[in-house]
Amino acid sequence: MFEQLNEQFKESLKPVTELATLNMTTLQELAEKQNALFTTLLSSGASFAETASQQKDVMSLAEAQKAYLESLQETITESAKETYTLVSSAQQKAGAMIKGMSEEVTAKMTAAAKQ
């Protein structure tokens, strides 16, 4: 009897566990992407500072600044796209899980009502 209750409890927690795992995985991937972004931004900023300090005239400094800002914009845009894709994918997976849970509960309730 106890084993049966234990199995039912484990089975009822399975969807919650799956959602928690999805959330944890998604958050870990987001943290890795943020870490990579900040590392890239810091490196790019240091590189620009070094390049800017070596410029002899205003025009070359302006060109270096323009190149840096274009690179910065590209990096941030790419990061935003990757983050959006990751979050959207996780949202779709979570939606499918919840839909599956809902259908399973409905089926069990319908079967129980027929008995």
Protein backbone atom coordinates (compact mmCIF):
# COMPACT_ATOMS: atom_id res chain seq x y z
CA MET A 1 0.00 0.00 0.00
CA PHE A 2 2.76 2.41 0.97
CA GLU A 3 4.72 1.58 -2.18
CA GLN A 4 1.66 2.27 -4.32
CA LEU A 5 1.13 5.67 -2.66
CA ASN A 6 4.82 6.46 -3.07
CA GLU A 7 4.68 5.61 -6.79
CA GLN A 8 1.55 7.73 -7.26
CA PHE A 9 3.22 10.62 -5.48
CA LYS A 10 6.33 10.32 -7.66
CA GLU A 11 4.17 10.16 -10.78
CA SER A 12 2.19 13.23 -9.74
CA LEU A 13 5.41 15.21 -9.20
CA LYS A 14 6.94 14.20 -12.54
CA PRO A 15 5.52 17.21 -14.50
CA VAL A 16 6.68 19.63 -11.80
CA THR A 17 10.14 18.07 -11.87
CA GLU A 18 10.28 18.32 -15.66
CA LEU A 19 9.32 22.02 -15.55
CA ALA A 20 11.86 22.71 -12.82
CA THR A 21 14.55 20.97 -14.88
CA LEU A 22 13.60 23.01 -17.95
CA ASN A 23 13.73 26.24 -15.95
CA MET A 24 17.07 25.34 -14.39
CA THR A 25 18.58 24.42 -17.76
CA THR A 26 17.27 27.60 -19.37
CA LEU A 27 18.57 29.80 -16.55
CA GLN A 28 21.97 28.11 -16.73
CA GLU A 29 22.17 28.71 -20.49
CA LEU A 30 21.11 32.35 -20.01
CA ALA A 31 23.78 32.83 -17.36
CA GLU A 32 26.42 31.38 -19.70
CA LYS A 33 25.30 33.67 -22.51
CA GLN A 34 25.38 36.71 -20.21
CA ASN A 35 28.84 35.75 -18.99
CA ALA A 36 30.07 35.44 -22.58
CA LEU A 37 28.47 38.78 -23.49
CA PHE A 38 30.04 40.66 -20.58
CA THR A 39 33.42 39.06 -21.28
CA THR A 40 33.19 40.13 -24.91
CA LEU A 41 32.08 43.65 -24.00
CA LEU A 42 34.87 44.04 -21.47
CA SER A 43 37.47 42.76 -23.92
CA SER A 44 36.16 44.97 -26.72
CA GLY A 45 36.14 48.01 -24.45
CA ALA A 46 39.72 47.41 -23.34
CA SER A 47 40.79 46.88 -26.94
CA PHE A 48 39.08 50.10 -28.01
CA ALA A 49 40.73 52.05 -25.18
CA GLU A 50 44.13 50.79 -26.29
CA THR A 51 43.40 51.58 -29.94
CA ALA A 52 42.03 55.05 -29.08
CA SER A 53 45.12 55.91 -27.06
CA GLN A 54 47.33 55.17 -30.07
CA GLN A 55 45.50 57.47 -32.50
CA LYS A 56 47.39 60.55 -33.62
CA ASP A 57 44.55 62.68 -34.98
CA VAL A 58 40.84 63.26 -34.47
CA MET A 59 39.77 61.62 -37.75
CA SER A 60 41.49 58.33 -36.99
CA LEU A 61 40.04 58.40 -33.47
CA ALA A 62 36.57 58.98 -34.94
CA GLU A 63 37.06 56.02 -37.31
CA ALA A 64 38.19 53.78 -34.46
CA GLN A 65 35.21 54.87 -32.38
CA LYS A 66 32.84 54.23 -35.28
CA ALA A 67 34.23 50.72 -35.79
CA TYR A 68 33.98 50.01 -32.05
CA LEU A 69 30.37 51.19 -31.84
CA GLU A 70 29.35 49.15 -34.89
CA SER A 71 30.97 46.08 -33.37
CA LEU A 72 29.27 46.79 -30.06
CA GLN A 73 25.88 47.12 -31.72
CA GLU A 74 26.38 43.87 -33.64
CA THR A 75 27.45 42.00 -30.49
CA ILE A 76 24.48 43.20 -28.45
CA THR A 77 22.01 42.54 -31.26
CA GLU A 78 23.30 38.99 -31.74
CA SER A 79 23.14 38.36 -28.00
CA ALA A 80 19.56 39.64 -27.85
CA LYS A 81 18.55 37.36 -30.73
CA GLU A 82 20.14 34.33 -29.07
CA THR A 83 18.48 35.12 -25.75
CA TYR A 84 15.09 35.59 -27.40
CA THR A 85 15.45 32.25 -29.21
CA LEU A 86 16.42 30.46 -26.02
CA VAL A 87 13.56 31.91 -23.97
CA SER A 88 11.02 31.33 -26.75
CA SER A 89 12.09 27.71 -27.07
CA ALA A 90 11.81 27.16 -23.33
CA GLN A 91 8.39 28.81 -23.33
CA GLN A 92 7.17 26.51 -26.10
CA LYS A 93 8.50 23.43 -24.30
CA ALA A 94 6.85 24.52 -21.05
CA GLY A 95 3.57 25.13 -22.87
CA ALA A 96 3.70 21.66 -24.39
CA MET A 97 4.42 20.14 -20.98
CA ILE A 98 1.51 21.97 -19.37
CA LYS A 99 -0.80 21.00 -22.21
CA GLY A 100 0.26 17.38 -21.82
CA MET A 101 -0.35 17.53 -18.05
CA SER A 102 -3.77 19.05 -18.61
CA GLU A 103 -4.74 16.38 -21.13
CA GLU A 104 -3.50 13.62 -18.84
CA VAL A 105 -5.46 14.96 -15.86
CA THR A 106 -8.60 15.36 -18.00
CA ALA A 107 -8.24 11.79 -19.28
CA LYS A 108 -7.81 10.42 -15.74
CA MET A 109 -10.79 12.38 -14.46
CA THR A 110 -12.94 11.21 -17.36
CA ALA A 111 -11.91 7.60 -16.75
CA ALA A 112 -12.60 7.94 -13.02
CA ALA A 113 -16.02 9.47 -13.69
CA LYS A 114 -16.98 6.53 -15.93
CA GLN A 115 -16.21 4.04 -13.17
